[in-house]
Structures are given as structure tokens and as C-alpha cells.
Amino acid sequence: VYLEWGNKIHLPLSSKGDLSMQFAPDQIIFDNQQIYFPLQVPDAVIAKPTHIPAFKKLTAEKVWDKFGLAVGGVIAPAAAKPGGKFTNGWIGPKATKPPKSTAGATLASERFVCGPQNYHPVIRQNGKLFHGEPVDLNPGWNLV
């Protein structure tokens, strides 16, 4: 099982689409074990492949702790090991780490905007809307 992460065609960041899809749950089960992307390993540094400035120098586990985000939706457990000849990913028990308190939260405001100034994020969680403070967006992917 060969796992590829992200866009392998070298397009500008603005052309790579919606990076939030990379953090959506993506569970691959084989022989009652879960196969994890290399970027799901707790000490993987994910800033370079994601090009997200807020992740600079943060490990996957630190991104999870700070933002509640993980490639594939979860961090690989400590018992996961490199897949060897079977896969370029990691193999281990099924992820059991509970979702962050932001689980079930979705962006209710516009995802793609024309102007970067004064963006008003709105989050929907458990049927309630939460309005964030206005922010100025940077080109590419933003954490708000």
C-alpha cells in the first residue's frame, strides 16, 4: 500500500485546492490494523508539505494539541511502526485518541473570498453559530 499525500504536481499553493480536505478523517484498515500516512506520526513536521505558516516548526502532535488538526483526522498512536516493505506509511492499532472539542465544527462563513481584508469567520457547532473577530487573510490557507 503506497500512500501519497497532497498534490504531487508542483502547482502554486493557490492552485492546490482546499487543504482542509487533508485534515478530514481518512481511515485505512488492513488486517485489523490501521495504516497511517507518514504525516500522522506524532513527531512528523507537517509545515513544509502543507505550506501553512502557523505550523512552522510544529510536530503533528503539537498541531493536534494547539489546533485540533491532524492529517487524516488523527495522530498515529505510539504503538504504530513503519510499514517496511508493505507500505511507506505506518501500521498500528486503530486510532482511539478522542476528537478535540472542535469536533463537529464546520465553517459556516464563505470558504473562498475575493478580498483578504476584514474576513468575518463564522463556525457552526452542534447547531449553534459562533462569530469570530474580523481578520485579515494571507494568500493561501489561513487558520482563523
Protein backbone atom coordinates (compact mmCIF):
# COMPACT_ATOMS: atom_id res chain seq x y z
CA VAL A 1 0.00 0.00 0.00
CA TYR A 2 1.71 3.16 -1.17
CA LEU A 3 0.39 6.37 0.37
CA GLU A 4 0.71 9.72 -1.34
CA TRP A 5 -0.10 12.91 0.46
CA GLY A 6 -1.21 16.08 -1.24
CA ASN A 7 -0.60 17.46 -4.66
CA LYS A 8 2.42 15.88 -6.38
CA ILE A 9 2.16 18.25 -9.35
CA HIS A 10 4.15 21.35 -8.45
CA LEU A 11 1.42 23.96 -8.76
CA PRO A 12 1.37 27.28 -6.92
CA LEU A 13 -0.18 26.99 -3.45
CA SER A 14 -3.24 28.97 -4.55
CA SER A 15 -3.95 26.29 -7.19
CA LYS A 16 -3.75 23.28 -4.89
CA GLY A 17 -7.37 23.48 -3.80
CA ASP A 18 -8.90 23.09 -0.39
CA LEU A 19 -6.21 21.92 2.03
CA SER A 20 -8.80 21.33 4.74
CA MET A 21 -9.61 18.06 2.97
CA GLN A 22 -6.18 16.76 4.05
CA PHE A 23 -7.32 17.01 7.68
CA ALA A 24 -10.62 15.20 7.19
CA PRO A 25 -10.95 11.67 8.67
CA ASP A 26 -9.24 9.15 6.39
CA GLN A 27 -9.06 5.69 7.92
CA ILE A 28 -7.36 2.83 6.06
CA ILE A 29 -7.83 -0.55 7.79
CA PHE A 30 -6.00 -3.70 6.73
CA ASP A 31 -5.96 -6.96 8.70
CA ASN A 32 -7.50 -5.19 11.73
CA GLN A 33 -4.65 -2.65 11.78
CA GLN A 34 -4.74 0.97 10.70
CA ILE A 35 -2.36 2.31 8.08
CA TYR A 36 -1.26 5.89 8.79
CA PHE A 37 0.22 8.50 6.50
CA PRO A 38 3.81 9.39 7.49
CA LEU A 39 2.49 12.86 8.42
CA GLN A 40 0.23 11.28 11.08
CA VAL A 41 3.22 10.17 13.17
CA PRO A 42 3.38 12.37 16.31
CA ASP A 43 6.89 13.73 15.64
CA ALA A 44 6.37 14.41 11.90
CA VAL A 45 6.87 18.08 10.96
CA ILE A 46 3.99 18.97 8.65
CA ALA A 47 4.66 22.66 7.89
CA LYS A 48 6.67 22.06 4.71
CA PRO A 49 4.23 19.75 2.90
CA THR A 50 1.19 21.79 3.93
CA HIS A 51 2.80 25.23 3.40
CA ILE A 52 0.81 26.53 6.39
CA PRO A 53 2.89 29.21 8.16
CA ALA A 54 1.16 28.65 11.53
CA PHE A 55 2.52 25.07 11.53
CA LYS A 56 6.15 26.16 11.13
CA LYS A 57 8.42 24.03 13.34
CA LEU A 58 5.44 22.23 14.91
CA THR A 59 5.21 18.45 15.02
CA ALA A 60 1.98 16.71 14.06
CA GLU A 61 1.24 16.16 17.75
CA LYS A 62 1.80 19.86 18.58
CA VAL A 63 -0.51 20.87 15.69
CA TRP A 64 -3.11 18.48 17.15
CA ASP A 65 -2.70 19.89 20.65
CA LYS A 66 -2.78 23.53 19.54
CA PHE A 67 -5.27 23.50 16.66
CA GLY A 68 -7.10 20.15 16.89
CA LEU A 69 -5.98 19.26 13.34
CA ALA A 70 -4.23 16.14 12.08
CA VAL A 71 -3.62 14.79 8.60
CA GLY A 72 -6.26 12.09 8.12
CA GLY A 73 -8.10 13.36 11.20
CA VAL A 74 -5.99 11.60 13.86
CA ILE A 75 -2.46 11.21 15.16
CA ALA A 76 -0.95 7.71 14.93
CA PRO A 77 -0.68 6.00 18.34
CA ALA A 78 2.73 5.39 19.91
CA ALA A 79 2.43 1.68 19.07
CA ALA A 80 2.42 2.39 15.30
CA LYS A 81 5.57 1.28 13.48
CA PRO A 82 6.98 1.90 9.98
CA GLY A 83 5.27 -0.33 7.42
CA GLY A 84 8.52 -1.70 5.96
CA LYS A 85 8.06 -3.42 2.59
CA PHE A 86 4.28 -3.47 2.99
CA THR A 87 3.71 0.30 2.90
CA ASN A 88 5.55 3.63 3.04
CA GLY A 89 3.10 4.56 5.81
CA TRP A 90 2.98 3.41 9.42
CA ILE A 91 0.95 0.46 10.76
CA GLY A 92 -0.59 0.18 14.20
CA PRO A 93 -3.74 -0.24 16.22
CA LYS A 94 -6.80 1.70 15.18
CA ALA A 95 -6.67 5.29 16.37
CA THR A 96 -8.51 5.81 19.63
CA LYS A 97 -7.44 9.36 20.53
CA PRO A 98 -10.69 11.22 21.20
CA PRO A 99 -11.62 14.08 18.89
CA LYS A 100 -10.80 17.59 20.03
CA SER A 101 -13.58 19.76 21.43
CA THR A 102 -13.82 21.33 17.97
CA ALA A 103 -15.10 18.03 16.56
CA GLY A 104 -18.23 18.58 14.55
CA ALA A 105 -17.37 22.24 13.99
CA THR A 106 -17.70 23.45 10.42
CA LEU A 107 -17.02 26.76 8.77
CA ALA A 108 -20.36 28.46 8.12
CA SER A 109 -18.99 31.63 6.53
CA GLU A 110 -17.69 31.77 2.97
CA ARG A 111 -14.68 29.48 2.43
CA PHE A 112 -13.35 31.24 -0.63
CA VAL A 113 -13.33 35.01 -0.61
CA CYS A 114 -12.24 37.62 -3.14
CA GLY A 115 -10.76 40.15 -0.74
CA PRO A 116 -8.31 39.36 2.07
CA GLN A 117 -9.28 42.21 4.43
CA ASN A 118 -11.86 42.12 7.19
CA TYR A 119 -12.93 38.47 6.85
CA HIS A 120 -15.62 37.50 9.39
CA PRO A 121 -15.30 33.79 10.27
CA VAL A 122 -18.45 32.00 11.44
CA ILE A 123 -18.26 28.47 12.89
CA ARG A 124 -21.23 26.10 13.25
CA GLN A 125 -21.03 23.53 16.05
CA ASN A 126 -23.89 21.49 17.50
CA GLY A 127 -26.42 23.69 15.69
CA LYS A 128 -25.07 26.94 17.14
CA LEU A 129 -23.24 29.70 15.26
CA PHE A 130 -20.09 31.27 16.72
CA HIS A 131 -18.92 34.56 15.20
CA GLY A 132 -15.17 35.23 15.26
CA GLU A 133 -13.41 38.57 15.28
CA PRO A 134 -12.70 40.06 11.83
CA VAL A 135 -9.28 39.08 10.49
CA ASP A 136 -7.11 39.94 7.50
CA LEU A 137 -6.29 36.86 5.44
CA ASN A 138 -2.93 35.91 3.91
CA PRO A 139 -2.62 34.38 0.43
CA GLY A 140 -3.15 30.62 0.62
CA TRP A 141 -4.51 28.72 3.60
CA ASN A 142 -5.38 30.53 6.84
CA LEU A 143 -6.21 29.35 10.36
CA VAL A 144 -8.92 31.56 11.85
